[in-house]
Amino acid sequence: MKIGILGTGNIGKTLTRRLSAAGHEVKAANSRGPETIEASRADER
């Protein structure tokens, strides 16, 4: 299933991570731009 998430706060990040792990195609967007989404992924490692 293709899913879009608006907002990458605590809930958005959790949904994106779990839905991706379940095999869904997930796209995320936020108001601060795509570079902040990448930065939050690096923080989780």
PDB file of N, CA and C in Angstrom:
ATOM      1  N   MET A   1       0.846  -1.169   0.000  1.00  0.00           N
ATOM      2  CA  MET A   1       0.000   0.000   0.000  1.00  0.00           C
ATOM      3  C   MET A   1       0.896   1.239   0.000  1.00  0.00           C
ATOM      4  N   LYS A   2       0.500   2.264  -0.714  1.00  0.00           N
ATOM      5  CA  LYS A   2       1.216   3.541  -0.736  1.00  0.00           C
ATOM      6  C   LYS A   2       0.597   4.465   0.302  1.00  0.00           C
ATOM      7  N   ILE A   3       1.437   5.019   1.182  1.00  0.00           N
ATOM      8  CA  ILE A   3       0.952   5.855   2.277  1.00  0.00           C
ATOM      9  C   ILE A   3       1.760   7.140   2.328  1.00  0.00           C
ATOM     10  N   GLY A   4       1.085   8.272   2.543  1.00  0.00           N
ATOM     11  CA  GLY A   4       1.742   9.562   2.714  1.00  0.00           C
ATOM     12  C   GLY A   4       1.548  10.048   4.141  1.00  0.00           C
ATOM     13  N   ILE A   5       2.620  10.513   4.763  1.00  0.00           N
ATOM     14  CA  ILE A   5       2.570  11.028   6.133  1.00  0.00           C
ATOM     15  C   ILE A   5       2.921  12.510   6.080  1.00  0.00           C
ATOM     16  N   LEU A   6       2.061  13.343   6.641  1.00  0.00           N
ATOM     17  CA  LEU A   6       2.339  14.771   6.747  1.00  0.00           C
ATOM     18  C   LEU A   6       2.776  15.067   8.174  1.00  0.00           C
ATOM     19  N   GLY A   7       4.001  15.515   8.315  1.00  0.00           N
ATOM     20  CA  GLY A   7       4.551  15.799   9.641  1.00  0.00           C
ATOM     21  C   GLY A   7       5.475  14.682  10.081  1.00  0.00           C
ATOM     22  N   THR A   8       6.657  15.047  10.549  1.00  0.00           N
ATOM     23  CA  THR A   8       7.624  14.041  10.970  1.00  0.00           C
ATOM     24  C   THR A   8       8.024  14.237  12.429  1.00  0.00           C
ATOM     25  N   GLY A   9       7.044  14.576  13.242  1.00  0.00           N
ATOM     26  CA  GLY A   9       7.273  14.644  14.684  1.00  0.00           C
ATOM     27  C   GLY A   9       7.314  13.232  15.246  1.00  0.00           C
ATOM     28  N   ASN A  10       7.091  13.098  16.525  1.00  0.00           N
ATOM     29  CA  ASN A  10       7.157  11.779  17.164  1.00  0.00           C
ATOM     30  C   ASN A  10       6.194  10.780  16.536  1.00  0.00           C
ATOM     31  N   ILE A  11       4.971  11.187  16.302  1.00  0.00           N
ATOM     32  CA  ILE A  11       3.978  10.269  15.738  1.00  0.00           C
ATOM     33  C   ILE A  11       4.295   9.959  14.280  1.00  0.00           C
ATOM     34  N   GLY A  12       4.605  10.985  13.496  1.00  0.00           N
ATOM     35  CA  GLY A  12       4.917  10.777  12.082  1.00  0.00           C
ATOM     36  C   GLY A  12       6.121   9.880  11.871  1.00  0.00           C
ATOM     37  N   LYS A  13       7.184  10.081  12.663  1.00  0.00           N
ATOM     38  CA  LYS A  13       8.376   9.232  12.541  1.00  0.00           C
ATOM     39  C   LYS A  13       8.068   7.789  12.908  1.00  0.00           C
ATOM     40  N   THR A  14       7.297   7.605  13.977  1.00  0.00           N
ATOM     41  CA  THR A  14       6.940   6.249  14.403  1.00  0.00           C
ATOM     42  C   THR A  14       6.085   5.550  13.356  1.00  0.00           C
ATOM     43  N   LEU A  15       5.084   6.249  12.834  1.00  0.00           N
ATOM     44  CA  LEU A  15       4.244   5.660  11.791  1.00  0.00           C
ATOM     45  C   LEU A  15       5.058   5.310  10.553  1.00  0.00           C
ATOM     46  N   THR A  16       5.924   6.226  10.132  1.00  0.00           N
ATOM     47  CA  THR A  16       6.748   5.982   8.951  1.00  0.00           C
ATOM     48  C   THR A  16       7.629   4.761   9.147  1.00  0.00           C
ATOM     49  N   ARG A  17       8.269   4.670  10.287  1.00  0.00           N
ATOM     50  CA  ARG A  17       9.171   3.543  10.574  1.00  0.00           C
ATOM     51  C   ARG A  17       8.409   2.226  10.608  1.00  0.00           C
ATOM     52  N   ARG A  18       7.298   2.186  11.312  1.00  0.00           N
ATOM     53  CA  ARG A  18       6.547   0.930  11.462  1.00  0.00           C
ATOM     54  C   ARG A  18       5.848   0.492  10.182  1.00  0.00           C
ATOM     55  N   LEU A  19       5.269   1.440   9.466  1.00  0.00           N
ATOM     56  CA  LEU A  19       4.598   1.083   8.215  1.00  0.00           C
ATOM     57  C   LEU A  19       5.602   0.630   7.166  1.00  0.00           C
ATOM     58  N   SER A  20       6.778   1.254   7.129  1.00  0.00           N
ATOM     59  CA  SER A  20       7.833   0.820   6.205  1.00  0.00           C
ATOM     60  C   SER A  20       8.298  -0.589   6.548  1.00  0.00           C
ATOM     61  N   ALA A  21       8.466  -0.853   7.830  1.00  0.00           N
ATOM     62  CA  ALA A  21       8.895  -2.186   8.271  1.00  0.00           C
ATOM     63  C   ALA A  21       7.855  -3.250   7.919  1.00  0.00           C
ATOM     64  N   ALA A  22       6.588  -2.846   7.848  1.00  0.00           N
ATOM     65  CA  ALA A  22       5.511  -3.785   7.493  1.00  0.00           C
ATOM     66  C   ALA A  22       5.396  -3.984   5.987  1.00  0.00           C
ATOM     67  N   GLY A  23       6.255  -3.295   5.212  1.00  0.00           N
ATOM     68  CA  GLY A  23       6.267  -3.505   3.775  1.00  0.00           C
ATOM     69  C   GLY A  23       5.508  -2.484   2.943  1.00  0.00           C
ATOM     70  N   HIS A  24       5.017  -1.435   3.566  1.00  0.00           N
ATOM     71  CA  HIS A  24       4.293  -0.400   2.826  1.00  0.00           C
ATOM     72  C   HIS A  24       5.269   0.613   2.232  1.00  0.00           C
ATOM     73  N   GLU A  25       4.872   1.215   1.124  1.00  0.00           N
ATOM     74  CA  GLU A  25       5.655   2.290   0.503  1.00  0.00           C
ATOM     75  C   GLU A  25       5.213   3.597   1.164  1.00  0.00           C
ATOM     76  N   VAL A  26       6.109   4.211   1.942  1.00  0.00           N
ATOM     77  CA  VAL A  26       5.747   5.379   2.738  1.00  0.00           C
ATOM     78  C   VAL A  26       6.551   6.590   2.287  1.00  0.00           C
ATOM     79  N   LYS A  27       5.860   7.703   2.076  1.00  0.00           N
ATOM     80  CA  LYS A  27       6.482   8.990   1.772  1.00  0.00           C
ATOM     81  C   LYS A  27       6.132   9.937   2.912  1.00  0.00           C
ATOM     82  N   ALA A  28       7.128  10.722   3.363  1.00  0.00           N
ATOM     83  CA  ALA A  28       6.893  11.662   4.457  1.00  0.00           C
ATOM     84  C   ALA A  28       7.240  13.073   4.011  1.00  0.00           C
ATOM     85  N   ALA A  29       6.496  14.044   4.532  1.00  0.00           N
ATOM     86  CA  ALA A  29       6.751  15.452   4.235  1.00  0.00           C
ATOM     87  C   ALA A  29       6.532  16.261   5.506  1.00  0.00           C
ATOM     88  N   ASN A  30       7.238  17.384   5.585  1.00  0.00           N
ATOM     89  CA  ASN A  30       7.020  18.282   6.712  1.00  0.00           C
ATOM     90  C   ASN A  30       7.205  19.722   6.260  1.00  0.00           C
ATOM     91  N   SER A  31       6.903  20.663   7.118  1.00  0.00           N
ATOM     92  CA  SER A  31       6.936  22.072   6.737  1.00  0.00           C
ATOM     93  C   SER A  31       8.343  22.657   6.713  1.00  0.00           C
ATOM     94  N   ARG A  32       9.320  21.968   7.282  1.00  0.00           N
ATOM     95  CA  ARG A  32      10.685  22.502   7.338  1.00  0.00           C
ATOM     96  C   ARG A  32      11.573  22.025   6.195  1.00  0.00           C
ATOM     97  N   GLY A  33      11.067  21.210   5.317  1.00  0.00           N
ATOM     98  CA  GLY A  33      11.824  20.770   4.158  1.00  0.00           C
ATOM     99  C   GLY A  33      12.416  19.380   4.330  1.00  0.00           C
ATOM    100  N   PRO A  34      12.801  18.765   3.219  1.00  0.00           N
ATOM    101  CA  PRO A  34      13.270  17.379   3.257  1.00  0.00           C
ATOM    102  C   PRO A  34      14.587  17.178   3.999  1.00  0.00           C
ATOM    103  N   GLU A  35      15.438  18.193   4.072  1.00  0.00           N
ATOM    104  CA  GLU A  35      16.715  18.015   4.761  1.00  0.00           C
ATOM    105  C   GLU A  35      16.529  17.729   6.251  1.00  0.00           C
ATOM    106  N   THR A  36      15.442  18.193   6.851  1.00  0.00           N
ATOM    107  CA  THR A  36      15.205  17.913   8.271  1.00  0.00           C
ATOM    108  C   THR A  36      14.707  16.491   8.486  1.00  0.00           C
ATOM    109  N   ILE A  37      14.091  15.898   7.472  1.00  0.00           N
ATOM    110  CA  ILE A  37      13.666  14.497   7.582  1.00  0.00           C
ATOM    111  C   ILE A  37      14.894  13.603   7.600  1.00  0.00           C
ATOM    112  N   GLU A  38      15.841  13.849   6.738  1.00  0.00           N
ATOM    113  CA  GLU A  38      17.078  13.083   6.715  1.00  0.00           C
ATOM    114  C   GLU A  38      17.827  13.218   8.030  1.00  0.00           C
ATOM    115  N   ALA A  39      17.852  14.423   8.589  1.00  0.00           N
ATOM    116  CA  ALA A  39      18.563  14.655   9.853  1.00  0.00           C
ATOM    117  C   ALA A  39      17.939  13.851  10.973  1.00  0.00           C
ATOM    118  N   SER A  40      16.631  13.740  11.005  1.00  0.00           N
ATOM    119  CA  SER A  40      15.990  12.980  12.068  1.00  0.00           C
ATOM    120  C   SER A  40      16.249  11.481  11.899  1.00  0.00           C
ATOM    121  N   ARG A  41      16.413  10.993  10.674  1.00  0.00           N
ATOM    122  CA  ARG A  41      16.772   9.596  10.449  1.00  0.00           C
ATOM    123  C   ARG A  41      18.156   9.314  10.984  1.00  0.00           C
ATOM    124  N   ALA A  42      19.104  10.218  10.772  1.00  0.00           N
ATOM    125  CA  ALA A  42      20.471  10.031  11.245  1.00  0.00           C
ATOM    126  C   ALA A  42      20.519  10.002  12.765  1.00  0.00           C
ATOM    127  N   ASP A  43      19.635  10.757  13.434  1.00  0.00           N
ATOM    128  CA  ASP A  43      19.602  10.774  14.892  1.00  0.00           C
ATOM    129  C   ASP A  43      19.187   9.428  15.475  1.00  0.00           C
ATOM    130  N   GLU A  44      18.422   8.659  14.724  1.00  0.00           N
ATOM    131  CA  GLU A  44      17.902   7.391  15.228  1.00  0.00           C
ATOM    132  C   GLU A  44      18.934   6.272  15.185  1.00  0.00           C
ATOM    133  N   ARG A  45      19.996   6.451  14.446  1.00  0.00           N
ATOM    134  CA  ARG A  45      21.003   5.372  14.297  1.00  0.00           C
ATOM    135  C   ARG A  45      21.902   5.252  15.470  1.00  0.00           C
TER     136      ARG A  45
END
